[in-house]
């Protein structure tokens, strides 16, 4: 699992020519709506918003992470893996949803979707969606492709399954270090308004870095939101790719 998951944090070099939609552009789609959240009402057209996202969980560290997020009153978006994660920690998936976080898909086996057949892509996504829906009662509307690698075939299947693809703008490369201070430094150096932060709670240095990241960004005036809140009052459209 380490090799497969480690590659998650790599720059999405294969996606540089993608037709992507920025959060600010998404927010112009429905100016009459109001962005509601379990953590309060946030209007990212006015607030300095940033989204904290975690890939490849749940893990043995997720309970502590959820405690931190609850204490700090910060919502996050969790892109979950099926095999060995959702299947192993269903109670944590349920808790994520119950505590107001966005629960999304990161596929079942972490296969690189651009390297497998359409039927396999569909299976990777459907199996994960079904597992999340059984636990939370809600089918995911967001997914993050492993390594950020996607193409027209992936877009088409996501559109058919009602999934929007979400990439990122901030990566701490937390798979390369157990140094929580370094992880914090990397995130803070890259953080910008409308940013989407990519972290992995399964790595030992990541969860201890989260309180410092939250406190420092709050001190800079950032408001933490889920990815759907970041796009609101617009709404993520299936088959589209969102990246700051």
C-alpha atoms as a PDB file:
ATOM      1  CA  UNK A   1       0.000   0.000   0.000  1.00  0.00           C
ATOM      2  CA  UNK A   2       2.824   2.444   0.759  1.00  0.00           C
ATOM      3  CA  UNK A   3       4.078   2.599  -2.823  1.00  0.00           C
ATOM      4  CA  UNK A   4       0.609   2.982  -4.271  1.00  0.00           C
ATOM      5  CA  UNK A   5      -0.509   5.625  -1.820  1.00  0.00           C
ATOM      6  CA  UNK A   6       2.782   7.491  -1.796  1.00  0.00           C
ATOM      7  CA  UNK A   7       2.293   8.506  -5.394  1.00  0.00           C
ATOM      8  CA  UNK A   8      -0.916  10.310  -4.477  1.00  0.00           C
ATOM      9  CA  UNK A   9       0.900  13.457  -3.532  1.00  0.00           C
ATOM     10  CA  UNK A  10       2.819  13.821  -6.773  1.00  0.00           C
ATOM     11  CA  UNK A  11       2.150  16.885  -8.847  1.00  0.00           C
ATOM     12  CA  UNK A  12      -0.608  16.207 -11.316  1.00  0.00           C
ATOM     13  CA  UNK A  13       1.775  16.511 -14.252  1.00  0.00           C
ATOM     14  CA  UNK A  14      -0.538  14.584 -16.529  1.00  0.00           C
ATOM     15  CA  UNK A  15      -3.331  17.052 -15.877  1.00  0.00           C
ATOM     16  CA  UNK A  16      -1.717  20.354 -16.877  1.00  0.00           C
ATOM     17  CA  UNK A  17      -3.743  20.594 -20.093  1.00  0.00           C
ATOM     18  CA  UNK A  18      -7.041  19.591 -18.541  1.00  0.00           C
ATOM     19  CA  UNK A  19     -10.081  21.765 -18.959  1.00  0.00           C
ATOM     20  CA  UNK A  20     -10.640  22.580 -15.292  1.00  0.00           C
ATOM     21  CA  UNK A  21     -13.038  24.851 -13.435  1.00  0.00           C
ATOM     22  CA  UNK A  22     -11.786  27.076 -10.622  1.00  0.00           C
ATOM     23  CA  UNK A  23     -13.900  27.497  -7.467  1.00  0.00           C
ATOM     24  CA  UNK A  24     -14.506  31.175  -8.212  1.00  0.00           C
ATOM     25  CA  UNK A  25     -15.862  30.277 -11.649  1.00  0.00           C
ATOM     26  CA  UNK A  26     -18.122  27.616 -10.144  1.00  0.00           C
ATOM     27  CA  UNK A  27     -19.556  30.144  -7.713  1.00  0.00           C
ATOM     28  CA  UNK A  28     -20.901  32.302 -10.521  1.00  0.00           C
ATOM     29  CA  UNK A  29     -23.211  29.563 -11.783  1.00  0.00           C
ATOM     30  CA  UNK A  30     -26.021  30.113  -9.272  1.00  0.00           C
ATOM     31  CA  UNK A  31     -25.835  33.458  -7.555  1.00  0.00           C
ATOM     32  CA  UNK A  32     -29.323  33.108  -6.045  1.00  0.00           C
ATOM     33  CA  UNK A  33     -28.508  30.144  -3.800  1.00  0.00           C
ATOM     34  CA  UNK A  34     -27.124  30.228  -0.281  1.00  0.00           C
ATOM     35  CA  UNK A  35     -24.242  28.060   0.908  1.00  0.00           C
ATOM     36  CA  UNK A  36     -25.335  26.203   4.019  1.00  0.00           C
ATOM     37  CA  UNK A  37     -23.097  23.994   6.137  1.00  0.00           C
ATOM     38  CA  UNK A  38     -23.183  22.076   9.366  1.00  0.00           C
ATOM     39  CA  UNK A  39     -20.425  24.391  10.600  1.00  0.00           C
ATOM     40  CA  UNK A  40     -22.382  27.556   9.822  1.00  0.00           C
ATOM     41  CA  UNK A  41     -23.172  29.620   6.755  1.00  0.00           C
ATOM     42  CA  UNK A  42     -20.146  30.531   4.667  1.00  0.00           C
ATOM     43  CA  UNK A  43     -20.196  32.660   1.535  1.00  0.00           C
ATOM     44  CA  UNK A  44     -16.873  32.161  -0.233  1.00  0.00           C
ATOM     45  CA  UNK A  45     -17.658  35.023  -2.583  1.00  0.00           C
ATOM     46  CA  UNK A  46     -16.898  37.223   0.439  1.00  0.00           C
ATOM     47  CA  UNK A  47     -14.945  35.030   2.858  1.00  0.00           C
ATOM     48  CA  UNK A  48     -11.309  34.027   2.348  1.00  0.00           C
ATOM     49  CA  UNK A  49     -12.011  30.310   2.007  1.00  0.00           C
ATOM     50  CA  UNK A  50      -9.740  27.292   1.860  1.00  0.00           C
ATOM     51  CA  UNK A  51     -10.585  23.576   1.793  1.00  0.00           C
ATOM     52  CA  UNK A  52      -8.797  20.914   3.820  1.00  0.00           C
ATOM     53  CA  UNK A  53      -8.940  17.496   2.130  1.00  0.00           C
ATOM     54  CA  UNK A  54      -7.606  14.090   3.117  1.00  0.00           C
ATOM     55  CA  UNK A  55      -6.960  11.198   0.738  1.00  0.00           C
ATOM     56  CA  UNK A  56      -6.645   7.446   1.155  1.00  0.00           C
ATOM     57  CA  UNK A  57      -8.422   6.982   4.488  1.00  0.00           C
ATOM     58  CA  UNK A  58      -9.928   6.069   6.770  1.00  0.00           C
ATOM     59  CA  UNK A  59      -6.889   4.930   8.724  1.00  0.00           C
ATOM     60  CA  UNK A  60      -5.911   4.178  12.286  1.00  0.00           C
ATOM     61  CA  UNK A  61      -5.156   7.898  12.645  1.00  0.00           C
ATOM     62  CA  UNK A  62      -8.570   9.122  11.493  1.00  0.00           C
ATOM     63  CA  UNK A  63     -10.236   9.085  14.915  1.00  0.00           C
ATOM     64  CA  UNK A  64      -7.620  11.485  16.297  1.00  0.00           C
ATOM     65  CA  UNK A  65      -7.966  13.666  13.217  1.00  0.00           C
ATOM     66  CA  UNK A  66     -11.720  13.831  13.670  1.00  0.00           C
ATOM     67  CA  UNK A  67     -11.226  14.805  17.307  1.00  0.00           C
ATOM     68  CA  UNK A  68      -8.990  17.687  16.198  1.00  0.00           C
ATOM     69  CA  UNK A  69     -11.412  18.868  13.528  1.00  0.00           C
ATOM     70  CA  UNK A  70     -14.286  18.755  16.005  1.00  0.00           C
ATOM     71  CA  UNK A  71     -12.320  20.701  18.590  1.00  0.00           C
ATOM     72  CA  UNK A  72     -11.292  23.322  16.030  1.00  0.00           C
ATOM     73  CA  UNK A  73     -14.769  23.414  14.409  1.00  0.00           C
ATOM     74  CA  UNK A  74     -13.249  22.809  10.985  1.00  0.00           C
ATOM     75  CA  UNK A  75     -14.998  20.831   8.233  1.00  0.00           C
ATOM     76  CA  UNK A  76     -12.973  18.702   5.845  1.00  0.00           C
ATOM     77  CA  UNK A  77     -13.492  16.652   2.707  1.00  0.00           C
ATOM     78  CA  UNK A  78     -12.440  13.013   2.863  1.00  0.00           C
ATOM     79  CA  UNK A  79     -11.633  11.172  -0.378  1.00  0.00           C
ATOM     80  CA  UNK A  80     -11.817   7.591   0.831  1.00  0.00           C
ATOM     81  CA  UNK A  81     -10.332   4.357  -0.446  1.00  0.00           C
ATOM     82  CA  UNK A  82     -12.421   1.201  -0.427  1.00  0.00           C
ATOM     83  CA  UNK A  83     -10.186  -1.814  -0.006  1.00  0.00           C
ATOM     84  CA  UNK A  84      -8.524  -1.927   3.402  1.00  0.00           C
ATOM     85  CA  UNK A  85      -9.988   1.433   4.396  1.00  0.00           C
ATOM     86  CA  UNK A  86     -13.757   1.931   4.079  1.00  0.00           C
ATOM     87  CA  UNK A  87     -14.149  -1.829   4.476  1.00  0.00           C
ATOM     88  CA  UNK A  88     -11.925  -1.852   7.579  1.00  0.00           C
ATOM     89  CA  UNK A  89     -13.169   1.301   9.323  1.00  0.00           C
ATOM     90  CA  UNK A  90     -16.890   1.717   8.523  1.00  0.00           C
ATOM     91  CA  UNK A  91     -17.533   3.346  11.905  1.00  0.00           C
ATOM     92  CA  UNK A  92     -15.103   6.142  11.028  1.00  0.00           C
ATOM     93  CA  UNK A  93     -16.838   6.716   7.691  1.00  0.00           C
ATOM     94  CA  UNK A  94     -20.125   7.028   9.555  1.00  0.00           C
ATOM     95  CA  UNK A  95     -18.574   9.452  12.017  1.00  0.00           C
ATOM     96  CA  UNK A  96     -17.142  11.627   9.244  1.00  0.00           C
ATOM     97  CA  UNK A  97     -20.589  12.067   7.740  1.00  0.00           C
ATOM     98  CA  UNK A  98     -22.313  12.522  11.100  1.00  0.00           C
ATOM     99  CA  UNK A  99     -19.912  15.283  12.119  1.00  0.00           C
ATOM    100  CA  UNK A 100     -20.561  17.335   8.995  1.00  0.00           C
ATOM    101  CA  UNK A 101     -17.609  16.436   6.793  1.00  0.00           C
ATOM    102  CA  UNK A 102     -17.949  15.723   3.084  1.00  0.00           C
ATOM    103  CA  UNK A 103     -17.400  12.049   2.297  1.00  0.00           C
ATOM    104  CA  UNK A 104     -16.153  11.409  -1.231  1.00  0.00           C
ATOM    105  CA  UNK A 105     -14.478   8.711  -3.329  1.00  0.00           C
ATOM    106  CA  UNK A 106     -10.845   7.945  -4.071  1.00  0.00           C
ATOM    107  CA  UNK A 107     -11.670   4.652  -5.837  1.00  0.00           C
ATOM    108  CA  UNK A 108     -11.627   1.127  -4.436  1.00  0.00           C
ATOM    109  CA  UNK A 109      -8.118  -0.170  -5.174  1.00  0.00           C
ATOM    110  CA  UNK A 110      -6.295   3.058  -6.019  1.00  0.00           C
ATOM    111  CA  UNK A 111      -5.789   1.978  -9.599  1.00  0.00           C
ATOM    112  CA  UNK A 112      -4.590   4.667 -12.015  1.00  0.00           C
ATOM    113  CA  UNK A 113      -7.796   5.227 -13.955  1.00  0.00           C
ATOM    114  CA  UNK A 114      -6.124   6.299 -17.177  1.00  0.00           C
ATOM    115  CA  UNK A 115      -4.384   2.911 -17.409  1.00  0.00           C
ATOM    116  CA  UNK A 116      -7.381   0.619 -17.056  1.00  0.00           C
ATOM    117  CA  UNK A 117     -10.401  -0.270 -19.195  1.00  0.00           C
ATOM    118  CA  UNK A 118     -13.690   1.631 -18.963  1.00  0.00           C
ATOM    119  CA  UNK A 119     -15.457  -1.262 -17.245  1.00  0.00           C
ATOM    120  CA  UNK A 120     -12.727  -1.341 -14.607  1.00  0.00           C
ATOM    121  CA  UNK A 121     -12.964   2.418 -14.094  1.00  0.00           C
ATOM    122  CA  UNK A 122     -16.687   2.092 -13.553  1.00  0.00           C
ATOM    123  CA  UNK A 123     -16.158  -0.738 -11.090  1.00  0.00           C
ATOM    124  CA  UNK A 124     -13.556   1.223  -9.109  1.00  0.00           C
ATOM    125  CA  UNK A 125     -16.027   4.075  -8.706  1.00  0.00           C
ATOM    126  CA  UNK A 126     -19.310   2.238  -8.316  1.00  0.00           C
ATOM    127  CA  UNK A 127     -18.000  -0.135  -5.677  1.00  0.00           C
ATOM    128  CA  UNK A 128     -16.702   2.738  -3.572  1.00  0.00           C
ATOM    129  CA  UNK A 129     -19.857   4.809  -4.002  1.00  0.00           C
ATOM    130  CA  UNK A 130     -22.053   1.880  -3.010  1.00  0.00           C
ATOM    131  CA  UNK A 131     -19.968   1.174   0.100  1.00  0.00           C
ATOM    132  CA  UNK A 132     -20.130   4.808   1.224  1.00  0.00           C
ATOM    133  CA  UNK A 133     -23.864   4.989   0.570  1.00  0.00           C
ATOM    134  CA  UNK A 134     -24.514   1.843   2.611  1.00  0.00           C
ATOM    135  CA  UNK A 135     -22.684   3.360   5.575  1.00  0.00           C
ATOM    136  CA  UNK A 136     -23.760   7.011   5.401  1.00  0.00           C
ATOM    137  CA  UNK A 137     -27.054   6.835   3.519  1.00  0.00           C
ATOM    138  CA  UNK A 138     -25.707   9.276   0.934  1.00  0.00           C
ATOM    139  CA  UNK A 139     -24.016   8.517  -2.367  1.00  0.00           C
ATOM    140  CA  UNK A 140     -20.884  10.608  -3.022  1.00  0.00           C
ATOM    141  CA  UNK A 141     -21.005  13.388  -5.591  1.00  0.00           C
ATOM    142  CA  UNK A 142     -17.237  14.016  -5.636  1.00  0.00           C
ATOM    143  CA  UNK A 143     -14.216  11.873  -6.458  1.00  0.00           C
ATOM    144  CA  UNK A 144     -10.473  12.371  -6.654  1.00  0.00           C
ATOM    145  CA  UNK A 145      -8.619  10.296  -9.253  1.00  0.00           C
ATOM    146  CA  UNK A 146      -5.482   8.561  -7.959  1.00  0.00           C
ATOM    147  CA  UNK A 147      -2.399  10.693  -8.696  1.00  0.00           C
ATOM    148  CA  UNK A 148      -4.786  13.246 -10.168  1.00  0.00           C
ATOM    149  CA  UNK A 149      -4.642  11.358 -13.459  1.00  0.00           C
ATOM    150  CA  UNK A 150      -7.749  11.622 -15.564  1.00  0.00           C
ATOM    151  CA  UNK A 151      -8.875  11.852 -19.179  1.00  0.00           C
ATOM    152  CA  UNK A 152     -11.968  12.063 -21.372  1.00  0.00           C
ATOM    153  CA  UNK A 153     -12.963   8.462 -20.644  1.00  0.00           C
ATOM    154  CA  UNK A 154     -12.818   9.087 -16.899  1.00  0.00           C
ATOM    155  CA  UNK A 155     -14.829  12.305 -17.337  1.00  0.00           C
ATOM    156  CA  UNK A 156     -17.520  10.458 -19.292  1.00  0.00           C
ATOM    157  CA  UNK A 157     -17.891   7.698 -16.732  1.00  0.00           C
ATOM    158  CA  UNK A 158     -17.913  10.192 -13.863  1.00  0.00           C
ATOM    159  CA  UNK A 159     -20.626  12.161 -15.609  1.00  0.00           C
ATOM    160  CA  UNK A 160     -22.730   9.004 -15.974  1.00  0.00           C
ATOM    161  CA  UNK A 161     -22.221   8.158 -12.290  1.00  0.00           C
ATOM    162  CA  UNK A 162     -22.982  11.674 -11.039  1.00  0.00           C
ATOM    163  CA  UNK A 163     -19.429  12.415  -9.903  1.00  0.00           C
ATOM    164  CA  UNK A 164     -17.380  15.587 -10.225  1.00  0.00           C
ATOM    165  CA  UNK A 165     -13.586  15.298 -10.103  1.00  0.00           C
ATOM    166  CA  UNK A 166     -11.629  17.357  -7.571  1.00  0.00           C
ATOM    167  CA  UNK A 167      -7.890  18.015  -7.810  1.00  0.00           C
ATOM    168  CA  UNK A 168      -5.789  20.221  -5.514  1.00  0.00           C
ATOM    169  CA  UNK A 169      -3.517  23.266  -5.336  1.00  0.00           C
ATOM    170  CA  UNK A 170      -1.550  22.562  -2.150  1.00  0.00           C
ATOM    171  CA  UNK A 171       0.417  19.400  -1.441  1.00  0.00           C
ATOM    172  CA  UNK A 172       2.652  18.828   1.572  1.00  0.00           C
ATOM    173  CA  UNK A 173       4.122  15.640   0.065  1.00  0.00           C
ATOM    174  CA  UNK A 174       3.479  14.163   3.493  1.00  0.00           C
ATOM    175  CA  UNK A 175       4.355  10.713   2.184  1.00  0.00           C
ATOM    176  CA  UNK A 176       8.017  11.818   2.058  1.00  0.00           C
ATOM    177  CA  UNK A 177       8.478  12.851   5.689  1.00  0.00           C
ATOM    178  CA  UNK A 178       7.402  12.241   9.278  1.00  0.00           C
ATOM    179  CA  UNK A 179       8.398  15.797  10.204  1.00  0.00           C
ATOM    180  CA  UNK A 180       5.158  17.526  11.199  1.00  0.00           C
ATOM    181  CA  UNK A 181       6.828  20.933  11.255  1.00  0.00           C
ATOM    182  CA  UNK A 182       7.955  20.471   7.651  1.00  0.00           C
ATOM    183  CA  UNK A 183       4.474  19.379   6.592  1.00  0.00           C
ATOM    184  CA  UNK A 184       3.049  22.501   8.229  1.00  0.00           C
ATOM    185  CA  UNK A 185       5.656  24.711   6.547  1.00  0.00           C
ATOM    186  CA  UNK A 186       4.906  23.264   3.108  1.00  0.00           C
ATOM    187  CA  UNK A 187       1.166  23.810   3.452  1.00  0.00           C
ATOM    188  CA  UNK A 188       1.500  27.362   4.722  1.00  0.00           C
ATOM    189  CA  UNK A 189       3.915  28.277   1.924  1.00  0.00           C
ATOM    190  CA  UNK A 190       1.402  27.236  -0.744  1.00  0.00           C
ATOM    191  CA  UNK A 191      -1.896  28.313   0.822  1.00  0.00           C
ATOM    192  CA  UNK A 192      -3.958  30.838  -1.126  1.00  0.00           C
ATOM    193  CA  UNK A 193      -7.573  31.905  -1.229  1.00  0.00           C
ATOM    194  CA  UNK A 194      -9.797  29.196  -2.753  1.00  0.00           C
ATOM    195  CA  UNK A 195      -7.003  26.683  -2.252  1.00  0.00           C
ATOM    196  CA  UNK A 196      -7.572  22.958  -1.891  1.00  0.00           C
ATOM    197  CA  UNK A 197      -5.079  21.324   0.479  1.00  0.00           C
ATOM    198  CA  UNK A 198      -4.132  17.682  -0.075  1.00  0.00           C
ATOM    199  CA  UNK A 199      -3.050  15.659   2.962  1.00  0.00           C
ATOM    200  CA  UNK A 200      -3.103  11.961   3.941  1.00  0.00           C
ATOM    201  CA  UNK A 201      -4.009  11.086   7.512  1.00  0.00           C
ATOM    202  CA  UNK A 202      -2.497   7.594   7.213  1.00  0.00           C
ATOM    203  CA  UNK A 203       1.053   8.973   7.416  1.00  0.00           C
ATOM    204  CA  UNK A 204       2.552   9.371  10.877  1.00  0.00           C
ATOM    205  CA  UNK A 205       3.574  13.010  10.610  1.00  0.00           C
ATOM    206  CA  UNK A 206       0.367  14.383   9.139  1.00  0.00           C
ATOM    207  CA  UNK A 207      -2.260  14.404  11.878  1.00  0.00           C
ATOM    208  CA  UNK A 208       0.104  16.048  14.417  1.00  0.00           C
ATOM    209  CA  UNK A 209       0.612  18.847  11.870  1.00  0.00           C
ATOM    210  CA  UNK A 210      -3.094  19.595  11.458  1.00  0.00           C
ATOM    211  CA  UNK A 211      -3.667  21.766  14.581  1.00  0.00           C
ATOM    212  CA  UNK A 212      -0.787  24.057  13.646  1.00  0.00           C
ATOM    213  CA  UNK A 213      -1.955  24.308  10.041  1.00  0.00           C
ATOM    214  CA  UNK A 214      -5.465  25.220  11.146  1.00  0.00           C
ATOM    215  CA  UNK A 215      -4.350  27.782  13.722  1.00  0.00           C
ATOM    216  CA  UNK A 216      -1.871  29.472  11.379  1.00  0.00           C
ATOM    217  CA  UNK A 217      -4.338  29.732   8.502  1.00  0.00           C
ATOM    218  CA  UNK A 218      -7.104  31.009  10.764  1.00  0.00           C
ATOM    219  CA  UNK A 219      -4.654  33.662  11.972  1.00  0.00           C
ATOM    220  CA  UNK A 220      -4.205  34.692   8.336  1.00  0.00           C
ATOM    221  CA  UNK A 221      -7.957  35.162   8.007  1.00  0.00           C
ATOM    222  CA  UNK A 222      -8.845  31.925   6.239  1.00  0.00           C
ATOM    223  CA  UNK A 223     -12.190  30.207   6.730  1.00  0.00           C
ATOM    224  CA  UNK A 224     -12.178  26.419   6.354  1.00  0.00           C
ATOM    225  CA  UNK A 225     -14.885  24.891   4.186  1.00  0.00           C
ATOM    226  CA  UNK A 226     -15.721  21.623   2.479  1.00  0.00           C
ATOM    227  CA  UNK A 227     -15.256  21.403  -1.281  1.00  0.00           C
ATOM    228  CA  UNK A 228     -19.016  21.830  -1.935  1.00  0.00           C
ATOM    229  CA  UNK A 229     -18.984  24.954   0.237  1.00  0.00           C
ATOM    230  CA  UNK A 230     -15.979  26.256  -1.668  1.00  0.00           C
ATOM    231  CA  UNK A 231     -17.990  26.029  -4.900  1.00  0.00           C
ATOM    232  CA  UNK A 232     -21.269  27.353  -3.460  1.00  0.00           C
ATOM    233  CA  UNK A 233     -23.603  28.870  -4.419  1.00  0.00           C
ATOM    234  CA  UNK A 234     -22.577  26.977  -7.528  1.00  0.00           C
ATOM    235  CA  UNK A 235     -22.673  23.212  -7.492  1.00  0.00           C
ATOM    236  CA  UNK A 236     -20.149  20.636  -8.645  1.00  0.00           C
ATOM    237  CA  UNK A 237     -21.250  19.285 -12.018  1.00  0.00           C
ATOM    238  CA  UNK A 238     -20.733  15.592 -12.825  1.00  0.00           C
ATOM    239  CA  UNK A 239     -17.971  15.011 -15.324  1.00  0.00           C
ATOM    240  CA  UNK A 240     -16.261  18.320 -14.688  1.00  0.00           C
ATOM    241  CA  UNK A 241     -12.837  18.731 -13.100  1.00  0.00           C
ATOM    242  CA  UNK A 242     -12.365  21.293 -10.323  1.00  0.00           C
ATOM    243  CA  UNK A 243      -8.992  22.752  -9.431  1.00  0.00           C
ATOM    244  CA  UNK A 244      -7.948  26.173  -8.080  1.00  0.00           C
END
